[in-house]
Amino acid sequence: MGPRQCQVCDQAQSKYKCPSCYLPYCSLVCFKKHKESPCVKPQPSEAKTTAVSESIVEKPLVVNETSHVLQKFQLEAIASSSEIRDALNDKSLQELICHIDCSSNADNELDKAMAEEAFRLFTDKILSTINP
């Protein structure tokens, strides 16, 4: 499957998708713009959103431990944290996260990334946000 366009700015290749509605976007700026209006998880009955959600599947998501899946309120807490958003402005952190996400052995890359203080601090911020 080829690269997708950002559905917010239509200028860049999308690297991410909205956790709620799966809309492809390219950056934090576009994600914030997208989140200015409420979005909803696509319903299979809607032809347009079904086509979009089917075309977005890039790699299978395998969850062995369902307790590792974040609840909606936890994801919203992460998305609304200014501390986390500020940390994500760091280009090297963005590249590190993309590198982990694109890796065929993400667990191994994640372990390596934990050796970097900036990444460790970032993950600590996320953990303290989802487990106040």
N, C-alpha and C. Protein backbone atom coordinates (compact mmCIF):
# COMPACT_ATOMS: atom_id res chain seq x y z
N MET A 1 0.84 -1.19 0.00
CA MET A 1 0.00 0.00 0.00
C MET A 1 0.88 1.25 0.00
N GLY A 2 0.56 2.23 -0.82
CA GLY A 2 1.36 3.44 -0.94
C GLY A 2 1.11 4.40 0.20
N PRO A 3 1.89 5.48 0.23
CA PRO A 3 1.72 6.49 1.28
C PRO A 3 0.37 7.20 1.16
N ARG A 4 -0.15 7.64 2.31
CA ARG A 4 -1.43 8.35 2.33
C ARG A 4 -1.17 9.84 2.54
N GLN A 5 -2.07 10.66 2.03
CA GLN A 5 -2.02 12.10 2.24
C GLN A 5 -2.62 12.43 3.59
N CYS A 6 -2.10 13.46 4.23
CA CYS A 6 -2.71 14.00 5.45
C CYS A 6 -4.09 14.53 5.07
N GLN A 7 -5.11 14.09 5.81
CA GLN A 7 -6.48 14.50 5.49
C GLN A 7 -6.83 15.85 6.13
N VAL A 8 -5.88 16.45 6.87
CA VAL A 8 -6.14 17.73 7.51
C VAL A 8 -5.60 18.86 6.63
N CYS A 9 -4.31 18.76 6.25
CA CYS A 9 -3.70 19.85 5.47
C CYS A 9 -3.60 19.52 3.98
N ASP A 10 -3.71 18.25 3.61
CA ASP A 10 -3.56 17.80 2.22
C ASP A 10 -2.22 18.21 1.61
N GLN A 11 -1.22 18.50 2.44
CA GLN A 11 0.08 18.95 1.94
C GLN A 11 1.16 17.89 2.08
N ALA A 12 1.04 17.06 3.10
CA ALA A 12 2.14 16.14 3.43
C ALA A 12 1.65 14.70 3.48
N GLN A 13 2.62 13.79 3.48
CA GLN A 13 2.31 12.37 3.63
C GLN A 13 1.94 12.13 5.10
N SER A 14 0.87 11.38 5.32
CA SER A 14 0.47 11.12 6.71
C SER A 14 1.36 10.04 7.31
N LYS A 15 1.73 10.25 8.57
CA LYS A 15 2.53 9.27 9.30
C LYS A 15 1.72 8.63 10.40
N TYR A 16 0.60 9.26 10.75
CA TYR A 16 -0.18 8.83 11.91
C TYR A 16 -1.65 8.74 11.54
N LYS A 17 -2.44 8.18 12.47
CA LYS A 17 -3.89 8.20 12.27
C LYS A 17 -4.55 8.46 13.61
N CYS A 18 -5.66 9.16 13.57
CA CYS A 18 -6.40 9.51 14.78
C CYS A 18 -6.83 8.24 15.49
N PRO A 19 -6.58 8.13 16.81
CA PRO A 19 -6.98 6.91 17.53
C PRO A 19 -8.49 6.73 17.60
N SER A 20 -9.25 7.82 17.41
CA SER A 20 -10.70 7.72 17.48
C SER A 20 -11.34 7.37 16.14
N CYS A 21 -11.01 8.16 15.11
CA CYS A 21 -11.72 7.97 13.83
C CYS A 21 -10.82 7.47 12.70
N TYR A 22 -9.53 7.25 12.99
CA TYR A 22 -8.56 6.70 12.03
C TYR A 22 -8.21 7.66 10.89
N LEU A 23 -8.54 8.94 11.01
CA LEU A 23 -8.23 9.91 9.96
C LEU A 23 -6.70 10.07 9.86
N PRO A 24 -6.13 9.92 8.66
CA PRO A 24 -4.68 10.08 8.51
C PRO A 24 -4.26 11.54 8.68
N TYR A 25 -3.17 11.78 9.44
CA TYR A 25 -2.64 13.13 9.60
C TYR A 25 -1.12 13.06 9.65
N CYS A 26 -0.47 14.23 9.45
CA CYS A 26 0.98 14.24 9.29
C CYS A 26 1.74 14.77 10.49
N SER A 27 1.09 15.55 11.35
CA SER A 27 1.85 16.20 12.42
C SER A 27 0.96 16.51 13.61
N LEU A 28 1.60 16.94 14.70
CA LEU A 28 0.87 17.33 15.90
C LEU A 28 -0.03 18.53 15.60
N VAL A 29 0.47 19.46 14.77
CA VAL A 29 -0.32 20.64 14.41
C VAL A 29 -1.63 20.21 13.74
N CYS A 30 -1.53 19.28 12.77
CA CYS A 30 -2.73 18.81 12.08
C CYS A 30 -3.63 18.00 13.03
N PHE A 31 -3.02 17.24 13.94
CA PHE A 31 -3.82 16.46 14.90
C PHE A 31 -4.62 17.42 15.78
N LYS A 32 -3.97 18.50 16.26
CA LYS A 32 -4.68 19.48 17.11
C LYS A 32 -5.82 20.12 16.32
N LYS A 33 -5.55 20.46 15.05
CA LYS A 33 -6.58 21.08 14.21
C LYS A 33 -7.75 20.11 14.04
N HIS A 34 -7.44 18.84 13.79
CA HIS A 34 -8.47 17.80 13.63
C HIS A 34 -9.30 17.67 14.90
N LYS A 35 -8.65 17.74 16.07
CA LYS A 35 -9.33 17.53 17.36
C LYS A 35 -10.17 18.73 17.78
N GLU A 36 -10.08 19.85 17.03
CA GLU A 36 -10.91 21.01 17.36
C GLU A 36 -12.39 20.69 17.19
N SER A 37 -12.70 19.75 16.30
CA SER A 37 -14.08 19.31 16.17
C SER A 37 -14.15 17.83 16.57
N PRO A 38 -15.25 17.44 17.22
CA PRO A 38 -15.33 16.05 17.71
C PRO A 38 -15.29 15.04 16.57
N CYS A 39 -14.63 13.93 16.81
CA CYS A 39 -14.62 12.85 15.82
C CYS A 39 -15.12 11.59 16.49
N VAL A 40 -15.60 10.66 15.70
CA VAL A 40 -16.16 9.43 16.26
C VAL A 40 -15.56 8.22 15.57
N LYS A 41 -15.57 7.11 16.27
CA LYS A 41 -15.09 5.86 15.70
C LYS A 41 -16.01 5.50 14.53
N PRO A 42 -15.44 5.12 13.39
CA PRO A 42 -16.28 4.81 12.22
C PRO A 42 -17.23 3.65 12.49
N GLN A 43 -18.45 3.79 12.00
CA GLN A 43 -19.44 2.72 12.10
C GLN A 43 -19.45 1.95 10.78
N PRO A 44 -19.48 0.61 10.82
CA PRO A 44 -19.46 -0.18 9.58
C PRO A 44 -20.58 0.18 8.61
N SER A 45 -21.69 0.73 9.13
CA SER A 45 -22.82 1.03 8.25
C SER A 45 -22.56 2.23 7.34
N GLU A 46 -21.59 3.07 7.70
CA GLU A 46 -21.28 4.24 6.88
C GLU A 46 -20.29 3.84 5.78
N ALA A 47 -20.73 3.89 4.54
CA ALA A 47 -19.91 3.42 3.42
C ALA A 47 -18.57 4.14 3.34
N LYS A 48 -18.59 5.48 3.48
CA LYS A 48 -17.36 6.26 3.32
C LYS A 48 -16.33 5.89 4.39
N THR A 49 -16.74 5.89 5.66
CA THR A 49 -15.77 5.61 6.72
C THR A 49 -15.32 4.15 6.68
N THR A 50 -16.16 3.26 6.24
CA THR A 50 -15.74 1.86 6.12
C THR A 50 -14.61 1.75 5.11
N ALA A 51 -14.74 2.42 3.98
CA ALA A 51 -13.70 2.37 2.96
C ALA A 51 -12.39 2.93 3.53
N VAL A 52 -12.48 4.02 4.29
CA VAL A 52 -11.29 4.62 4.87
C VAL A 52 -10.65 3.68 5.87
N SER A 53 -11.45 3.12 6.79
CA SER A 53 -10.86 2.28 7.83
C SER A 53 -10.24 1.01 7.25
N GLU A 54 -10.82 0.48 6.17
CA GLU A 54 -10.23 -0.71 5.56
C GLU A 54 -8.90 -0.40 4.89
N SER A 55 -8.76 0.80 4.34
CA SER A 55 -7.54 1.13 3.62
C SER A 55 -6.39 1.51 4.55
N ILE A 56 -6.67 1.70 5.84
CA ILE A 56 -5.65 2.19 6.75
C ILE A 56 -4.87 1.07 7.44
N VAL A 57 -5.37 -0.13 7.42
CA VAL A 57 -4.70 -1.22 8.13
C VAL A 57 -3.30 -1.43 7.53
N GLU A 58 -2.28 -1.15 8.32
CA GLU A 58 -0.91 -1.26 7.83
C GLU A 58 -0.22 -2.51 8.36
N LYS A 59 -0.43 -2.80 9.63
CA LYS A 59 0.15 -4.00 10.20
C LYS A 59 -0.79 -4.50 11.28
N PRO A 60 -0.83 -5.78 11.50
CA PRO A 60 -1.77 -6.31 12.48
C PRO A 60 -1.39 -5.87 13.88
N LEU A 61 -2.40 -5.60 14.68
CA LEU A 61 -2.17 -5.24 16.06
C LEU A 61 -2.45 -6.48 16.90
N VAL A 62 -1.39 -7.02 17.49
CA VAL A 62 -1.54 -8.24 18.28
C VAL A 62 -1.37 -7.87 19.75
N VAL A 63 -2.40 -8.14 20.53
CA VAL A 63 -2.35 -7.84 21.95
C VAL A 63 -2.51 -9.15 22.71
N ASN A 64 -1.41 -9.58 23.35
CA ASN A 64 -1.46 -10.81 24.13
C ASN A 64 -2.07 -10.56 25.50
N GLU A 65 -1.89 -9.36 26.00
CA GLU A 65 -2.33 -9.03 27.35
C GLU A 65 -3.33 -7.88 27.25
N THR A 66 -4.64 -8.18 27.37
CA THR A 66 -5.64 -7.12 27.18
C THR A 66 -5.51 -6.01 28.21
N SER A 67 -4.88 -6.30 29.35
CA SER A 67 -4.69 -5.24 30.35
C SER A 67 -3.71 -4.18 29.85
N HIS A 68 -2.96 -4.48 28.77
CA HIS A 68 -2.01 -3.52 28.19
C HIS A 68 -2.69 -2.54 27.24
N VAL A 69 -3.97 -2.75 26.94
CA VAL A 69 -4.68 -1.85 26.04
C VAL A 69 -5.23 -0.68 26.86
N LEU A 70 -4.92 0.54 26.42
CA LEU A 70 -5.38 1.71 27.16
C LEU A 70 -6.86 1.95 26.95
N GLN A 71 -7.51 2.44 27.99
CA GLN A 71 -8.92 2.82 27.92
C GLN A 71 -9.02 4.20 27.25
N LYS A 72 -10.21 4.52 26.76
CA LYS A 72 -10.42 5.79 26.06
C LYS A 72 -10.04 6.98 26.95
N PHE A 73 -10.42 6.95 28.23
CA PHE A 73 -10.11 8.08 29.11
C PHE A 73 -8.60 8.25 29.29
N GLN A 74 -7.85 7.14 29.24
CA GLN A 74 -6.39 7.22 29.36
C GLN A 74 -5.79 7.86 28.10
N LEU A 75 -6.29 7.44 26.93
CA LEU A 75 -5.82 8.03 25.67
C LEU A 75 -6.13 9.52 25.64
N GLU A 76 -7.33 9.90 26.12
CA GLU A 76 -7.71 11.31 26.15
C GLU A 76 -6.81 12.09 27.10
N ALA A 77 -6.44 11.48 28.23
CA ALA A 77 -5.56 12.14 29.19
C ALA A 77 -4.19 12.40 28.55
N ILE A 78 -3.69 11.44 27.78
CA ILE A 78 -2.41 11.61 27.08
C ILE A 78 -2.53 12.73 26.05
N ALA A 79 -3.60 12.69 25.26
CA ALA A 79 -3.78 13.68 24.19
C ALA A 79 -3.95 15.09 24.75
N SER A 80 -4.51 15.22 25.95
CA SER A 80 -4.76 16.56 26.49
C SER A 80 -3.63 17.05 27.41
N SER A 81 -2.60 16.25 27.60
CA SER A 81 -1.49 16.65 28.47
C SER A 81 -0.54 17.61 27.75
N SER A 82 -0.44 18.83 28.25
CA SER A 82 0.47 19.79 27.62
C SER A 82 1.92 19.36 27.79
N GLU A 83 2.23 18.70 28.90
CA GLU A 83 3.59 18.20 29.12
C GLU A 83 4.00 17.20 28.04
N ILE A 84 3.10 16.27 27.71
CA ILE A 84 3.38 15.27 26.70
C ILE A 84 3.44 15.92 25.31
N ARG A 85 2.50 16.83 25.04
CA ARG A 85 2.51 17.51 23.73
C ARG A 85 3.80 18.30 23.56
N ASP A 86 4.25 18.98 24.62
CA ASP A 86 5.51 19.74 24.54
C ASP A 86 6.68 18.80 24.26
N ALA A 87 6.70 17.66 24.94
CA ALA A 87 7.79 16.70 24.74
C ALA A 87 7.81 16.21 23.29
N LEU A 88 6.62 16.04 22.70
CA LEU A 88 6.53 15.53 21.33
C LEU A 88 6.99 16.55 20.28
N ASN A 89 7.25 17.79 20.69
CA ASN A 89 7.80 18.77 19.76
C ASN A 89 9.28 18.52 19.47
N ASP A 90 9.91 17.68 20.28
CA ASP A 90 11.32 17.35 20.12
C ASP A 90 11.51 16.44 18.91
N LYS A 91 12.22 16.95 17.90
CA LYS A 91 12.41 16.19 16.65
C LYS A 91 13.08 14.84 16.89
N SER A 92 14.09 14.80 17.77
CA SER A 92 14.79 13.53 17.99
C SER A 92 13.86 12.50 18.64
N LEU A 93 12.98 12.97 19.52
CA LEU A 93 12.01 12.07 20.14
C LEU A 93 11.00 11.57 19.09
N GLN A 94 10.57 12.46 18.20
CA GLN A 94 9.66 12.07 17.12
C GLN A 94 10.30 10.98 16.26
N GLU A 95 11.57 11.19 15.89
CA GLU A 95 12.27 10.23 15.04
C GLU A 95 12.44 8.88 15.75
N LEU A 96 12.72 8.94 17.04
CA LEU A 96 12.89 7.72 17.82
C LEU A 96 11.59 6.92 17.87
N ILE A 97 10.48 7.62 18.10
CA ILE A 97 9.17 6.95 18.16
C ILE A 97 8.82 6.36 16.80
N CYS A 98 9.06 7.11 15.73
CA CYS A 98 8.80 6.60 14.37
C CYS A 98 9.67 5.38 14.09
N HIS A 99 10.93 5.42 14.54
CA HIS A 99 11.85 4.30 14.32
C HIS A 99 11.33 3.05 15.03
N ILE A 100 10.85 3.20 16.25
CA ILE A 100 10.30 2.07 17.00
C ILE A 100 9.06 1.53 16.28
N ASP A 101 8.18 2.45 15.88
CA ASP A 101 6.92 2.05 15.25
C ASP A 101 7.14 1.34 13.92
N CYS A 102 8.15 1.75 13.16
CA CYS A 102 8.40 1.17 11.84
C CYS A 102 9.24 -0.11 11.90
N SER A 103 9.79 -0.41 13.06
CA SER A 103 10.70 -1.54 13.18
C SER A 103 9.96 -2.88 13.13
N SER A 104 10.63 -3.87 12.55
CA SER A 104 10.06 -5.22 12.54
C SER A 104 10.21 -5.87 13.91
N ASN A 105 11.12 -5.32 14.74
CA ASN A 105 11.28 -5.82 16.10
C ASN A 105 11.13 -4.64 17.06
N ALA A 106 9.90 -4.15 17.20
CA ALA A 106 9.62 -2.95 17.99
C ALA A 106 10.01 -3.13 19.46
N ASP A 107 9.81 -4.33 20.02
CA ASP A 107 10.17 -4.56 21.42
C ASP A 107 11.65 -4.31 21.66
N ASN A 108 12.48 -4.81 20.75
CA ASN A 108 13.92 -4.63 20.85
C ASN A 108 14.29 -3.15 20.75
N GLU A 109 13.68 -2.45 19.79
CA GLU A 109 13.96 -1.02 19.61
C GLU A 109 13.49 -0.22 20.83
N LEU A 110 12.37 -0.64 21.40
CA LEU A 110 11.84 0.02 22.60
C LEU A 110 12.81 -0.13 23.76
N ASP A 111 13.35 -1.34 23.92
CA ASP A 111 14.34 -1.57 24.98
C ASP A 111 15.56 -0.68 24.79
N LYS A 112 16.03 -0.55 23.53
CA LYS A 112 17.19 0.30 23.24
C LYS A 112 16.86 1.76 23.55
N ALA A 113 15.65 2.20 23.18
CA ALA A 113 15.25 3.60 23.39
C ALA A 113 15.18 3.95 24.88
N MET A 114 14.84 2.97 25.71
CA MET A 114 14.74 3.22 27.15
C MET A 114 16.09 3.60 27.76
N ALA A 115 17.17 3.33 27.05
CA ALA A 115 18.50 3.73 27.52
C ALA A 115 18.71 5.23 27.38
N GLU A 116 17.89 5.88 26.56
CA GLU A 116 18.02 7.33 26.34
C GLU A 116 17.16 8.07 27.35
N GLU A 117 17.77 9.01 28.06
CA GLU A 117 17.08 9.71 29.15
C GLU A 117 15.83 10.45 28.66
N ALA A 118 15.90 11.12 27.52
CA ALA A 118 14.75 11.88 27.01
C ALA A 118 13.56 10.96 26.78
N PHE A 119 13.81 9.77 26.24
CA PHE A 119 12.72 8.82 25.97
C PHE A 119 12.17 8.26 27.28
N ARG A 120 13.07 7.98 28.22
CA ARG A 120 12.64 7.45 29.52
C ARG A 120 11.76 8.47 30.25
N LEU A 121 12.16 9.74 30.22
CA LEU A 121 11.36 10.80 30.85
C LEU A 121 10.00 10.91 30.18
N PHE A 122 10.00 10.80 28.85
CA PHE A 122 8.74 10.86 28.09
C PHE A 122 7.81 9.71 28.49
N THR A 123 8.34 8.50 28.57
CA THR A 123 7.49 7.36 28.95
C THR A 123 7.02 7.48 30.39
N ASP A 124 7.86 8.06 31.26
CA ASP A 124 7.43 8.30 32.65
C ASP A 124 6.26 9.28 32.70
N LYS A 125 6.32 10.32 31.85
CA LYS A 125 5.21 11.29 31.79
C LYS A 125 3.92 10.60 31.37
N ILE A 126 4.03 9.73 30.35
CA ILE A 126 2.84 9.01 29.88
C ILE A 126 2.29 8.11 30.99
N LEU A 127 3.18 7.35 31.64
CA LEU A 127 2.73 6.44 32.70
C LEU A 127 2.08 7.20 33.85
N SER A 128 2.64 8.34 34.23
CA SER A 128 2.04 9.08 35.34
C SER A 128 0.71 9.73 34.91
N THR A 129 0.56 9.98 33.61
CA THR A 129 -0.70 10.54 33.10
C THR A 129 -1.81 9.50 33.09
N ILE A 130 -1.46 8.26 32.71
CA ILE A 130 -2.51 7.23 32.63
C ILE A 130 -2.75 6.53 33.96
N ASN A 131 -1.81 6.66 34.90
CA ASN A 131 -1.98 6.07 36.23
C ASN A 131 -1.75 7.14 37.29
N PRO A 132 -2.70 8.11 37.39
CA PRO A 132 -2.45 9.23 38.33
C PRO A 132 -2.43 8.75 39.78
